[in-house]
């Protein structure tokens, strides 16, 4: 059975533009793919992610060096493995990603740091460099921002959101990526045309994914 996993990086619930667009996608997806499993992972839920602190970082470097983590480091490594297993169990992904301070919410960066481990998301060769291990999967990413928009003056911000997150997906081996943009959604006289366009694209992608 094909599984679509929606990973939400927005904490704003019903007030979230990215989650509203994601819900439009999910509704259309369920209608057009009735046999697929659809799951949601809210990164803001309590316990949704383990911390990635000194023990986890030490465990990662131990594995990188070909050693087995021990003690507290081994426990931290197991939590990272469990988090990755939930992520890797899906065939398709939907990410709802609001812009925070020109980038992504810190909770999404925490997710990336937890799952981006050797032998899980990537392999590494001293001569050839990194190889992403998540090939064959597809992703749709909903990007929103309140103020930033393409072509706006520098005083309205910069985009480190889509380049960073899209770059991470490709680095991980996920190259079949579709994007939905609703930027800006607040600092503009009339956001409705952009909002309607974003929801329409989400519905279309849900049908064709």
N, C-alpha and C. Protein backbone atom coordinates (compact mmCIF):
# COMPACT_ATOMS: atom_id res chain seq x y z
N UNK A 1 0.84 -1.19 0.00
CA UNK A 1 0.00 0.00 0.00
C UNK A 1 0.88 1.25 0.00
N UNK A 2 0.53 2.21 -0.82
CA UNK A 2 1.24 3.48 -0.87
C UNK A 2 0.84 4.34 0.32
N UNK A 3 1.83 4.96 0.96
CA UNK A 3 1.58 5.82 2.11
C UNK A 3 2.04 7.23 1.82
N UNK A 4 1.15 8.19 2.05
CA UNK A 4 1.48 9.61 1.99
C UNK A 4 1.60 10.11 3.42
N UNK A 5 2.72 10.75 3.73
CA UNK A 5 2.95 11.30 5.06
C UNK A 5 2.98 12.81 4.98
N UNK A 6 2.07 13.46 5.71
CA UNK A 6 2.07 14.92 5.80
C UNK A 6 2.86 15.33 7.02
N UNK A 7 3.94 16.08 6.81
CA UNK A 7 4.77 16.57 7.91
C UNK A 7 4.51 18.06 8.05
N UNK A 8 3.95 18.44 9.18
CA UNK A 8 3.55 19.82 9.42
C UNK A 8 4.57 20.53 10.30
N UNK A 9 5.08 21.66 9.78
CA UNK A 9 6.01 22.48 10.56
C UNK A 9 5.37 23.77 11.05
N UNK A 10 4.05 23.88 10.94
CA UNK A 10 3.36 25.09 11.38
C UNK A 10 2.66 24.84 12.71
N UNK A 11 2.83 25.75 13.68
CA UNK A 11 2.15 25.59 14.97
C UNK A 11 0.84 26.37 15.05
N UNK A 12 0.37 26.96 13.94
CA UNK A 12 -0.71 27.93 14.02
C UNK A 12 -2.11 27.34 13.82
N UNK A 13 -2.21 26.04 13.64
CA UNK A 13 -3.52 25.40 13.57
C UNK A 13 -4.42 25.98 12.50
N UNK A 14 -5.66 26.32 12.88
CA UNK A 14 -6.65 26.81 11.92
C UNK A 14 -6.28 28.16 11.33
N UNK A 15 -5.34 28.86 11.92
CA UNK A 15 -4.92 30.16 11.39
C UNK A 15 -3.78 30.05 10.39
N UNK A 16 -3.32 28.85 10.15
CA UNK A 16 -2.15 28.65 9.31
C UNK A 16 -2.51 28.58 7.83
N UNK A 17 -1.88 29.42 7.03
CA UNK A 17 -2.09 29.37 5.58
C UNK A 17 -1.50 28.09 5.00
N UNK A 18 -0.33 27.69 5.47
CA UNK A 18 0.29 26.49 4.92
C UNK A 18 -0.52 25.24 5.23
N UNK A 19 -1.10 25.18 6.43
CA UNK A 19 -1.92 24.02 6.78
C UNK A 19 -3.24 24.02 6.01
N UNK A 20 -3.79 25.19 5.74
CA UNK A 20 -5.03 25.25 4.95
C UNK A 20 -4.79 24.73 3.54
N UNK A 21 -3.68 25.13 2.94
CA UNK A 21 -3.35 24.64 1.60
C UNK A 21 -3.07 23.14 1.64
N UNK A 22 -2.37 22.70 2.69
CA UNK A 22 -2.11 21.27 2.84
C UNK A 22 -3.41 20.48 2.96
N UNK A 23 -4.38 21.02 3.68
CA UNK A 23 -5.66 20.33 3.84
C UNK A 23 -6.39 20.23 2.51
N UNK A 24 -6.30 21.28 1.68
CA UNK A 24 -6.88 21.21 0.34
C UNK A 24 -6.24 20.08 -0.45
N UNK A 25 -4.92 19.98 -0.36
CA UNK A 25 -4.21 18.89 -1.04
C UNK A 25 -4.68 17.54 -0.52
N UNK A 26 -4.74 17.38 0.80
CA UNK A 26 -5.09 16.09 1.39
C UNK A 26 -6.51 15.66 1.03
N UNK A 27 -7.43 16.61 1.01
CA UNK A 27 -8.81 16.29 0.63
C UNK A 27 -8.87 15.77 -0.79
N UNK A 28 -8.19 16.46 -1.69
CA UNK A 28 -8.18 16.03 -3.09
C UNK A 28 -7.42 14.71 -3.24
N UNK A 29 -6.37 14.53 -2.47
CA UNK A 29 -5.58 13.30 -2.57
C UNK A 29 -6.41 12.10 -2.15
N UNK A 30 -7.13 12.23 -1.05
CA UNK A 30 -7.96 11.11 -0.60
C UNK A 30 -9.03 10.77 -1.63
N UNK A 31 -9.58 11.79 -2.28
CA UNK A 31 -10.61 11.55 -3.29
C UNK A 31 -10.04 10.82 -4.50
N UNK A 32 -8.81 11.13 -4.86
CA UNK A 32 -8.22 10.58 -6.08
C UNK A 32 -7.35 9.36 -5.84
N UNK A 33 -7.02 9.09 -4.59
CA UNK A 33 -6.19 7.92 -4.25
C UNK A 33 -6.83 7.21 -3.05
N UNK A 34 -8.04 6.71 -3.21
CA UNK A 34 -8.77 6.16 -2.05
C UNK A 34 -8.11 4.95 -1.41
N UNK A 35 -7.23 4.27 -2.12
CA UNK A 35 -6.60 3.07 -1.55
C UNK A 35 -5.29 3.38 -0.83
N UNK A 36 -4.83 4.61 -0.89
CA UNK A 36 -3.58 4.98 -0.23
C UNK A 36 -3.81 5.31 1.24
N UNK A 37 -2.82 5.05 2.03
CA UNK A 37 -2.85 5.46 3.44
C UNK A 37 -2.34 6.89 3.56
N UNK A 38 -3.01 7.68 4.37
CA UNK A 38 -2.61 9.08 4.59
C UNK A 38 -2.39 9.29 6.08
N UNK A 39 -1.19 9.75 6.43
CA UNK A 39 -0.84 9.97 7.83
C UNK A 39 -0.34 11.41 8.00
N UNK A 40 -0.51 11.95 9.21
CA UNK A 40 -0.03 13.29 9.51
C UNK A 40 0.92 13.24 10.70
N UNK A 41 2.00 13.96 10.58
CA UNK A 41 3.00 14.05 11.64
C UNK A 41 3.18 15.53 11.96
N UNK A 42 2.57 15.95 13.06
CA UNK A 42 2.70 17.34 13.50
C UNK A 42 3.96 17.45 14.35
N UNK A 43 4.97 18.12 13.83
CA UNK A 43 6.25 18.19 14.53
C UNK A 43 6.16 18.94 15.85
N UNK A 44 5.07 19.70 16.04
CA UNK A 44 4.90 20.47 17.27
C UNK A 44 4.22 19.68 18.38
N UNK A 45 3.71 18.50 18.09
CA UNK A 45 3.10 17.69 19.14
C UNK A 45 4.15 17.31 20.19
N UNK A 46 3.73 17.25 21.42
CA UNK A 46 4.65 16.88 22.49
C UNK A 46 5.22 15.49 22.24
N UNK A 47 6.53 15.38 22.27
CA UNK A 47 7.18 14.10 22.05
C UNK A 47 7.31 13.70 20.60
N UNK A 48 6.96 14.59 19.67
CA UNK A 48 7.02 14.24 18.25
C UNK A 48 8.44 14.01 17.77
N UNK A 49 9.40 14.69 18.39
CA UNK A 49 10.80 14.57 18.01
C UNK A 49 11.66 14.42 19.25
N UNK A 50 12.70 13.60 19.17
CA UNK A 50 13.66 13.56 20.27
C UNK A 50 14.62 14.75 20.15
N UNK A 51 15.27 15.14 21.23
CA UNK A 51 16.27 16.21 21.13
C UNK A 51 17.48 15.70 20.36
N UNK A 52 18.22 16.63 19.78
CA UNK A 52 19.48 16.25 19.14
C UNK A 52 20.58 17.09 19.79
N UNK A 53 21.06 16.57 20.92
CA UNK A 53 22.04 17.29 21.71
C UNK A 53 23.39 16.60 21.73
N UNK A 54 24.16 16.77 22.82
CA UNK A 54 25.52 16.23 22.86
C UNK A 54 25.61 14.72 22.64
N UNK A 55 24.71 13.94 23.26
CA UNK A 55 24.78 12.48 23.11
C UNK A 55 24.48 12.06 21.68
N UNK A 56 23.46 12.68 21.09
CA UNK A 56 23.10 12.32 19.72
C UNK A 56 24.20 12.72 18.74
N UNK A 57 24.77 13.91 18.95
CA UNK A 57 25.84 14.36 18.06
C UNK A 57 27.06 13.45 18.18
N UNK A 58 27.39 13.05 19.41
CA UNK A 58 28.52 12.14 19.61
C UNK A 58 28.26 10.78 18.98
N UNK A 59 27.01 10.32 19.08
CA UNK A 59 26.65 9.04 18.47
C UNK A 59 26.81 9.10 16.95
N UNK A 60 26.38 10.20 16.36
CA UNK A 60 26.49 10.35 14.91
C UNK A 60 27.96 10.28 14.49
N UNK A 61 28.82 10.98 15.18
CA UNK A 61 30.23 10.98 14.81
C UNK A 61 30.88 9.63 15.08
N UNK A 62 30.39 8.91 16.08
CA UNK A 62 30.91 7.56 16.32
C UNK A 62 30.57 6.65 15.16
N UNK A 63 29.33 6.71 14.71
CA UNK A 63 28.91 5.89 13.57
C UNK A 63 29.68 6.28 12.32
N UNK A 64 29.86 7.59 12.14
CA UNK A 64 30.65 8.09 11.01
C UNK A 64 32.05 7.46 11.01
N UNK A 65 32.59 7.27 12.19
CA UNK A 65 33.94 6.73 12.32
C UNK A 65 33.97 5.20 12.33
N UNK A 66 32.80 4.57 12.20
CA UNK A 66 32.73 3.12 12.14
C UNK A 66 32.62 2.46 13.49
N UNK A 67 32.33 3.23 14.54
CA UNK A 67 32.20 2.67 15.89
C UNK A 67 30.73 2.54 16.27
N UNK A 68 30.47 1.79 17.33
CA UNK A 68 29.11 1.64 17.85
C UNK A 68 28.92 2.56 19.05
N UNK A 69 27.86 3.38 19.04
CA UNK A 69 27.60 4.24 20.21
C UNK A 69 27.33 3.39 21.44
N UNK A 70 27.70 3.91 22.60
CA UNK A 70 27.50 3.19 23.85
C UNK A 70 26.80 4.08 24.87
N UNK A 71 26.14 3.44 25.83
CA UNK A 71 25.53 4.17 26.94
C UNK A 71 24.47 5.16 26.48
N UNK A 72 24.56 6.38 27.00
CA UNK A 72 23.59 7.42 26.66
C UNK A 72 23.63 7.74 25.17
N UNK A 73 24.78 7.62 24.58
CA UNK A 73 24.90 7.87 23.14
C UNK A 73 24.11 6.81 22.35
N UNK A 74 24.16 5.57 22.79
CA UNK A 74 23.41 4.50 22.11
C UNK A 74 21.91 4.74 22.24
N UNK A 75 21.47 5.22 23.40
CA UNK A 75 20.04 5.50 23.59
C UNK A 75 19.60 6.62 22.66
N UNK A 76 20.42 7.67 22.55
CA UNK A 76 20.10 8.78 21.66
C UNK A 76 20.07 8.32 20.21
N UNK A 77 20.97 7.42 19.86
CA UNK A 77 21.02 6.90 18.49
C UNK A 77 19.77 6.09 18.18
N UNK A 78 19.31 5.30 19.15
CA UNK A 78 18.08 4.53 18.93
C UNK A 78 16.89 5.45 18.69
N UNK A 79 16.81 6.54 19.42
CA UNK A 79 15.71 7.48 19.21
C UNK A 79 15.77 8.10 17.82
N UNK A 80 16.97 8.40 17.35
CA UNK A 80 17.12 8.92 15.99
C UNK A 80 16.70 7.86 14.96
N UNK A 81 17.07 6.62 15.20
CA UNK A 81 16.69 5.53 14.29
C UNK A 81 15.17 5.36 14.23
N UNK A 82 14.53 5.44 15.38
CA UNK A 82 13.07 5.30 15.43
C UNK A 82 12.38 6.44 14.68
N UNK A 83 12.90 7.65 14.84
CA UNK A 83 12.33 8.80 14.14
C UNK A 83 12.51 8.64 12.64
N UNK A 84 13.69 8.24 12.23
CA UNK A 84 13.94 8.02 10.81
C UNK A 84 13.03 6.93 10.25
N UNK A 85 12.83 5.85 11.00
CA UNK A 85 12.01 4.74 10.52
C UNK A 85 10.59 5.22 10.22
N UNK A 86 10.05 6.08 11.05
CA UNK A 86 8.71 6.62 10.79
C UNK A 86 8.71 7.44 9.50
N UNK A 87 9.74 8.23 9.32
CA UNK A 87 9.86 9.04 8.11
C UNK A 87 10.03 8.17 6.87
N UNK A 88 10.92 7.20 6.93
CA UNK A 88 11.26 6.39 5.76
C UNK A 88 10.16 5.41 5.38
N UNK A 89 9.20 5.17 6.27
CA UNK A 89 8.13 4.21 5.97
C UNK A 89 7.17 4.73 4.90
N UNK A 90 7.20 6.03 4.62
CA UNK A 90 6.29 6.62 3.63
C UNK A 90 6.89 6.57 2.23
N UNK A 91 6.00 6.57 1.24
CA UNK A 91 6.41 6.59 -0.17
C UNK A 91 6.34 8.00 -0.74
N UNK A 92 5.42 8.81 -0.20
CA UNK A 92 5.19 10.16 -0.69
C UNK A 92 5.08 11.09 0.51
N UNK A 93 5.48 12.34 0.30
CA UNK A 93 5.49 13.30 1.39
C UNK A 93 4.78 14.59 1.00
N UNK A 94 4.11 15.17 1.97
CA UNK A 94 3.58 16.52 1.87
C UNK A 94 4.15 17.29 3.05
N UNK A 95 4.85 18.39 2.79
CA UNK A 95 5.42 19.22 3.83
C UNK A 95 4.72 20.57 3.82
N UNK A 96 4.27 21.03 4.97
CA UNK A 96 3.74 22.39 5.09
C UNK A 96 4.79 23.21 5.83
N UNK A 97 5.33 24.22 5.12
CA UNK A 97 6.52 24.91 5.60
C UNK A 97 6.31 26.43 5.57
N UNK A 98 5.95 27.03 6.69
CA UNK A 98 5.89 28.50 6.73
C UNK A 98 7.30 29.08 6.81
N UNK A 99 7.44 30.34 6.38
CA UNK A 99 8.72 31.02 6.48
C UNK A 99 8.84 31.69 7.85
N UNK A 100 9.95 31.41 8.51
CA UNK A 100 10.28 32.07 9.77
C UNK A 100 11.62 32.77 9.62
N UNK A 101 11.63 34.09 9.73
CA UNK A 101 12.89 34.84 9.70
C UNK A 101 13.74 34.45 8.49
N UNK A 102 13.08 34.44 7.34
CA UNK A 102 13.69 34.16 6.04
C UNK A 102 14.01 32.68 5.84
N UNK A 103 13.86 31.85 6.87
CA UNK A 103 14.18 30.44 6.76
C UNK A 103 13.00 29.55 7.13
N UNK A 104 13.29 28.41 7.73
CA UNK A 104 12.25 27.46 8.12
C UNK A 104 12.10 27.46 9.63
N UNK A 105 10.95 27.02 10.17
CA UNK A 105 10.79 26.92 11.62
C UNK A 105 11.85 26.02 12.25
N UNK A 106 12.27 26.36 13.45
CA UNK A 106 13.34 25.59 14.08
C UNK A 106 12.96 24.14 14.29
N UNK A 107 11.67 23.86 14.44
CA UNK A 107 11.24 22.48 14.65
C UNK A 107 11.50 21.63 13.42
N UNK A 108 11.40 22.23 12.23
CA UNK A 108 11.71 21.49 11.01
C UNK A 108 13.21 21.25 10.90
N UNK A 109 14.00 22.24 11.31
CA UNK A 109 15.46 22.03 11.33
C UNK A 109 15.81 20.92 12.32
N UNK A 110 15.12 20.86 13.45
CA UNK A 110 15.36 19.78 14.40
C UNK A 110 15.04 18.43 13.77
N UNK A 111 13.92 18.35 13.05
CA UNK A 111 13.58 17.11 12.36
C UNK A 111 14.69 16.71 11.40
N UNK A 112 15.16 17.67 10.61
CA UNK A 112 16.23 17.38 9.65
C UNK A 112 17.48 16.89 10.36
N UNK A 113 17.84 17.54 11.47
CA UNK A 113 19.04 17.14 12.20
C UNK A 113 18.91 15.75 12.81
N UNK A 114 17.71 15.39 13.24
CA UNK A 114 17.52 14.08 13.86
C UNK A 114 17.61 12.96 12.82
N UNK A 115 16.98 13.14 11.66
CA UNK A 115 16.92 12.03 10.69
C UNK A 115 18.10 11.99 9.74
N UNK A 116 18.85 13.07 9.61
CA UNK A 116 19.94 13.12 8.62
C UNK A 116 21.18 12.42 9.17
N UNK A 117 21.13 11.10 9.14
CA UNK A 117 22.19 10.29 9.74
C UNK A 117 22.82 9.36 8.70
N UNK A 118 24.10 9.02 8.90
CA UNK A 118 24.76 8.08 7.99
C UNK A 118 24.08 6.72 8.03
N UNK A 119 23.88 6.17 6.85
CA UNK A 119 23.20 4.87 6.75
C UNK A 119 21.70 4.98 6.78
N UNK A 120 21.18 6.17 7.03
CA UNK A 120 19.73 6.40 7.02
C UNK A 120 19.38 7.31 5.85
N UNK A 121 19.64 8.59 5.99
CA UNK A 121 19.35 9.55 4.92
C UNK A 121 20.47 9.59 3.88
N UNK A 122 21.70 9.32 4.30
CA UNK A 122 22.81 9.45 3.36
C UNK A 122 23.90 8.43 3.64
N UNK A 123 24.72 8.21 2.61
CA UNK A 123 25.99 7.52 2.77
C UNK A 123 27.09 8.48 2.34
N UNK A 124 28.31 8.17 2.71
CA UNK A 124 29.41 9.07 2.40
C UNK A 124 30.63 8.28 1.97
N UNK A 125 31.24 8.76 0.90
CA UNK A 125 32.47 8.18 0.40
C UNK A 125 33.53 9.29 0.33
N UNK A 126 34.72 9.06 0.85
CA UNK A 126 35.74 10.12 0.86
C UNK A 126 36.08 10.67 -0.52
N UNK A 127 35.90 9.86 -1.56
CA UNK A 127 36.23 10.30 -2.91
C UNK A 127 35.02 10.86 -3.65
N UNK A 128 33.85 10.24 -3.43
CA UNK A 128 32.66 10.64 -4.19
C UNK A 128 31.73 11.56 -3.41
N UNK A 129 31.95 11.67 -2.12
CA UNK A 129 31.11 12.55 -1.31
C UNK A 129 29.83 11.87 -0.85
N UNK A 130 28.76 12.67 -0.71
CA UNK A 130 27.49 12.18 -0.19
C UNK A 130 26.64 11.52 -1.27
N UNK A 131 25.86 10.54 -0.85
CA UNK A 131 24.82 9.94 -1.70
C UNK A 131 23.53 9.87 -0.89
N UNK A 132 22.45 10.47 -1.41
CA UNK A 132 21.17 10.38 -0.73
C UNK A 132 20.57 9.00 -0.85
N UNK A 133 19.95 8.52 0.22
CA UNK A 133 19.44 7.14 0.26
C UNK A 133 17.92 7.05 0.16
N UNK A 134 17.24 8.18 -0.11
CA UNK A 134 15.77 8.15 -0.15
C UNK A 134 15.23 8.26 -1.57
N UNK A 135 15.99 7.75 -2.52
CA UNK A 135 15.56 7.79 -3.91
C UNK A 135 14.26 7.02 -4.11
N UNK A 136 13.48 7.43 -5.11
CA UNK A 136 12.24 6.74 -5.44
C UNK A 136 11.01 7.30 -4.76
N UNK A 137 11.21 8.24 -3.86
CA UNK A 137 10.08 8.87 -3.18
C UNK A 137 9.73 10.19 -3.85
N UNK A 138 8.52 10.66 -3.60
CA UNK A 138 8.05 11.93 -4.16
C UNK A 138 7.66 12.87 -3.03
N UNK A 139 7.79 14.17 -3.29
CA UNK A 139 7.46 15.15 -2.26
C UNK A 139 6.74 16.34 -2.86
N UNK A 140 5.77 16.85 -2.12
CA UNK A 140 5.11 18.13 -2.41
C UNK A 140 5.38 19.03 -1.21
N UNK A 141 5.81 20.25 -1.48
CA UNK A 141 6.13 21.18 -0.40
C UNK A 141 5.29 22.44 -0.55
N UNK A 142 4.59 22.80 0.51
CA UNK A 142 3.82 24.05 0.55
C UNK A 142 4.65 25.09 1.28
N UNK A 143 5.02 26.14 0.56
CA UNK A 143 5.79 27.24 1.13
C UNK A 143 4.90 28.47 1.27
N UNK A 144 4.87 29.05 2.46
CA UNK A 144 4.13 30.29 2.67
C UNK A 144 5.03 31.30 3.37
N UNK A 145 4.68 32.57 3.21
CA UNK A 145 5.36 33.64 3.95
C UNK A 145 4.40 34.79 4.10
N UNK A 146 4.56 35.54 5.17
CA UNK A 146 3.69 36.68 5.42
C UNK A 146 4.13 37.92 4.64
N UNK A 147 5.43 38.13 4.51
CA UNK A 147 5.95 39.38 3.95
C UNK A 147 6.77 39.16 2.69
N UNK A 148 7.66 38.17 2.72
CA UNK A 148 8.54 37.96 1.57
C UNK A 148 7.76 37.49 0.35
N UNK A 149 8.16 37.98 -0.81
CA UNK A 149 7.63 37.51 -2.07
C UNK A 149 8.66 37.74 -3.16
N UNK A 150 8.70 36.85 -4.12
CA UNK A 150 9.67 36.97 -5.21
C UNK A 150 9.51 38.31 -5.93
N UNK A 151 10.62 38.98 -6.16
CA UNK A 151 10.60 40.26 -6.85
C UNK A 151 10.37 41.46 -5.96
N UNK A 152 10.09 41.24 -4.68
CA UNK A 152 9.90 42.37 -3.77
C UNK A 152 11.26 42.94 -3.36
N UNK A 153 11.32 44.19 -2.97
CA UNK A 153 12.59 44.81 -2.57
C UNK A 153 13.21 44.09 -1.37
N UNK A 154 14.53 44.24 -1.19
CA UNK A 154 15.22 43.57 -0.08
C UNK A 154 14.64 43.88 1.29
N UNK A 155 14.02 45.06 1.43
CA UNK A 155 13.44 45.41 2.73
C UNK A 155 12.31 44.47 3.14
N UNK A 156 11.80 43.67 2.19
CA UNK A 156 10.72 42.72 2.49
C UNK A 156 11.26 41.31 2.76
N UNK A 157 12.57 41.20 2.88
CA UNK A 157 13.14 39.91 3.28
C UNK A 157 13.85 39.18 2.17
N UNK A 158 14.39 38.03 2.53
CA UNK A 158 15.13 37.16 1.62
C UNK A 158 14.60 35.75 1.73
N UNK A 159 14.92 34.92 0.75
CA UNK A 159 14.42 33.55 0.73
C UNK A 159 15.53 32.56 1.02
N UNK A 160 15.63 32.14 2.28
CA UNK A 160 16.47 31.02 2.66
C UNK A 160 15.60 29.81 3.02
N UNK A 161 14.33 29.91 2.72
CA UNK A 161 13.35 28.87 3.05
C UNK A 161 13.37 27.76 1.99
N UNK A 162 12.92 28.09 0.78
CA UNK A 162 12.83 27.08 -0.28
C UNK A 162 14.20 26.56 -0.72
N UNK A 163 15.23 27.42 -0.91
CA UNK A 163 16.53 26.87 -1.31
C UNK A 163 17.09 25.89 -0.28
N UNK A 164 16.93 26.21 1.00
CA UNK A 164 17.45 25.31 2.03
C UNK A 164 16.69 23.99 2.07
N UNK A 165 15.36 24.08 2.14
CA UNK A 165 14.61 22.84 2.32
C UNK A 165 14.63 22.00 1.05
N UNK A 166 14.47 22.64 -0.10
CA UNK A 166 14.55 21.89 -1.35
C UNK A 166 15.92 21.27 -1.54
N UNK A 167 16.96 22.00 -1.13
CA UNK A 167 18.31 21.45 -1.22
C UNK A 167 18.48 20.23 -0.33
N UNK A 168 17.88 20.27 0.86
CA UNK A 168 17.98 19.11 1.75
C UNK A 168 17.27 17.90 1.15
N UNK A 169 16.09 18.11 0.58
CA UNK A 169 15.38 16.99 -0.03
C UNK A 169 16.22 16.34 -1.13
N UNK A 170 16.78 17.16 -2.00
CA UNK A 170 17.59 16.62 -3.09
C UNK A 170 18.85 15.94 -2.56
N UNK A 171 19.47 16.52 -1.54
CA UNK A 171 20.64 15.90 -0.92
C UNK A 171 20.28 14.52 -0.35
N UNK A 172 19.06 14.40 0.18
CA UNK A 172 18.61 13.12 0.75
C UNK A 172 18.23 12.11 -0.33
N UNK A 173 18.19 12.52 -1.59
CA UNK A 173 17.87 11.61 -2.68
C UNK A 173 16.47 11.74 -3.22
N UNK A 174 15.68 12.68 -2.67
CA UNK A 174 14.31 12.90 -3.15
C UNK A 174 14.36 13.99 -4.22
N UNK A 175 14.27 13.58 -5.46
CA UNK A 175 14.42 14.53 -6.56
C UNK A 175 13.10 14.83 -7.26
N UNK A 176 12.07 14.03 -7.03
CA UNK A 176 10.75 14.30 -7.61
C UNK A 176 10.00 15.21 -6.64
N UNK A 177 10.13 16.51 -6.85
CA UNK A 177 9.61 17.51 -5.91
C UNK A 177 8.70 18.47 -6.65
N UNK A 178 7.51 18.69 -6.09
CA UNK A 178 6.59 19.72 -6.59
C UNK A 178 6.41 20.76 -5.48
N UNK A 179 6.25 22.01 -5.88
CA UNK A 179 6.16 23.08 -4.90
C UNK A 179 4.89 23.90 -5.10
N UNK A 180 4.34 24.34 -3.97
CA UNK A 180 3.19 25.26 -3.96
C UNK A 180 3.63 26.49 -3.17
N UNK A 181 3.52 27.67 -3.78
CA UNK A 181 3.93 28.90 -3.13
C UNK A 181 2.73 29.82 -2.88
N UNK A 182 2.64 30.34 -1.67
CA UNK A 182 1.72 31.43 -1.37
C UNK A 182 2.53 32.45 -0.59
N UNK A 183 3.17 33.35 -1.32
CA UNK A 183 4.08 34.32 -0.75
C UNK A 183 3.99 35.62 -1.54
N UNK A 184 3.70 36.75 -0.88
CA UNK A 184 3.35 36.91 0.54
C UNK A 184 1.86 36.67 0.76
N UNK A 185 1.47 36.52 2.01
CA UNK A 185 0.05 36.32 2.30
C UNK A 185 -0.49 37.37 3.29
N UNK A 186 0.34 38.29 3.73
CA UNK A 186 -0.11 39.29 4.70
C UNK A 186 0.19 40.71 4.23
N UNK A 187 1.44 40.99 3.92
CA UNK A 187 1.86 42.35 3.56
C UNK A 187 1.58 42.63 2.08
N UNK A 188 0.31 42.59 1.74
CA UNK A 188 -0.11 42.80 0.36
C UNK A 188 -1.56 43.28 0.38
N UNK A 189 -1.93 44.13 -0.57
CA UNK A 189 -3.27 44.72 -0.55
C UNK A 189 -4.37 43.67 -0.70
N UNK A 190 -4.18 42.72 -1.60
CA UNK A 190 -5.21 41.70 -1.85
C UNK A 190 -4.53 40.35 -2.04
N UNK A 191 -4.58 39.52 -1.02
CA UNK A 191 -3.92 38.22 -1.07
C UNK A 191 -4.80 37.13 -1.66
N UNK A 192 -6.08 37.41 -1.89
CA UNK A 192 -6.99 36.36 -2.33
C UNK A 192 -6.62 35.72 -3.66
N UNK A 193 -6.20 36.47 -4.68
CA UNK A 193 -5.81 35.81 -5.93
C UNK A 193 -4.68 34.80 -5.73
N UNK A 194 -3.67 35.18 -4.96
CA UNK A 194 -2.58 34.26 -4.69
C UNK A 194 -3.02 33.07 -3.88
N UNK A 195 -3.92 33.30 -2.94
CA UNK A 195 -4.45 32.21 -2.12
C UNK A 195 -5.22 31.22 -2.98
N UNK A 196 -6.09 31.73 -3.84
CA UNK A 196 -6.87 30.84 -4.71
C UNK A 196 -5.96 30.05 -5.64
N UNK A 197 -4.93 30.71 -6.16
CA UNK A 197 -4.00 30.03 -7.07
C UNK A 197 -3.25 28.90 -6.34
N UNK A 198 -2.85 29.16 -5.10
CA UNK A 198 -2.12 28.15 -4.34
C UNK A 198 -3.01 26.94 -4.04
N UNK A 199 -4.26 27.19 -3.66
CA UNK A 199 -5.17 26.07 -3.38
C UNK A 199 -5.48 25.29 -4.66
N UNK A 200 -5.62 26.00 -5.77
CA UNK A 200 -5.89 25.32 -7.04
C UNK A 200 -4.71 24.43 -7.43
N UNK A 201 -3.49 24.94 -7.26
CA UNK A 201 -2.32 24.12 -7.60
C UNK A 201 -2.23 22.91 -6.67
N UNK A 202 -2.55 23.10 -5.40
CA UNK A 202 -2.53 21.96 -4.48
C UNK A 202 -3.51 20.88 -4.91
N UNK A 203 -4.71 21.28 -5.32
CA UNK A 203 -5.69 20.30 -5.79
C UNK A 203 -5.19 19.57 -7.04
N UNK A 204 -4.60 20.32 -7.97
CA UNK A 204 -4.11 19.71 -9.21
C UNK A 204 -2.97 18.72 -8.93
N UNK A 205 -2.09 19.09 -8.03
CA UNK A 205 -0.98 18.19 -7.70
C UNK A 205 -1.47 16.92 -7.03
N UNK A 206 -2.47 17.05 -6.18
CA UNK A 206 -3.03 15.89 -5.49
C UNK A 206 -3.62 14.88 -6.48
N UNK A 207 -4.16 15.39 -7.57
CA UNK A 207 -4.74 14.50 -8.58
C UNK A 207 -3.67 13.78 -9.38
N UNK A 208 -2.57 14.49 -9.66
CA UNK A 208 -1.57 13.95 -10.58
C UNK A 208 -0.40 13.26 -9.91
N UNK A 209 -0.25 13.41 -8.58
CA UNK A 209 0.91 12.85 -7.90
C UNK A 209 0.96 11.33 -8.05
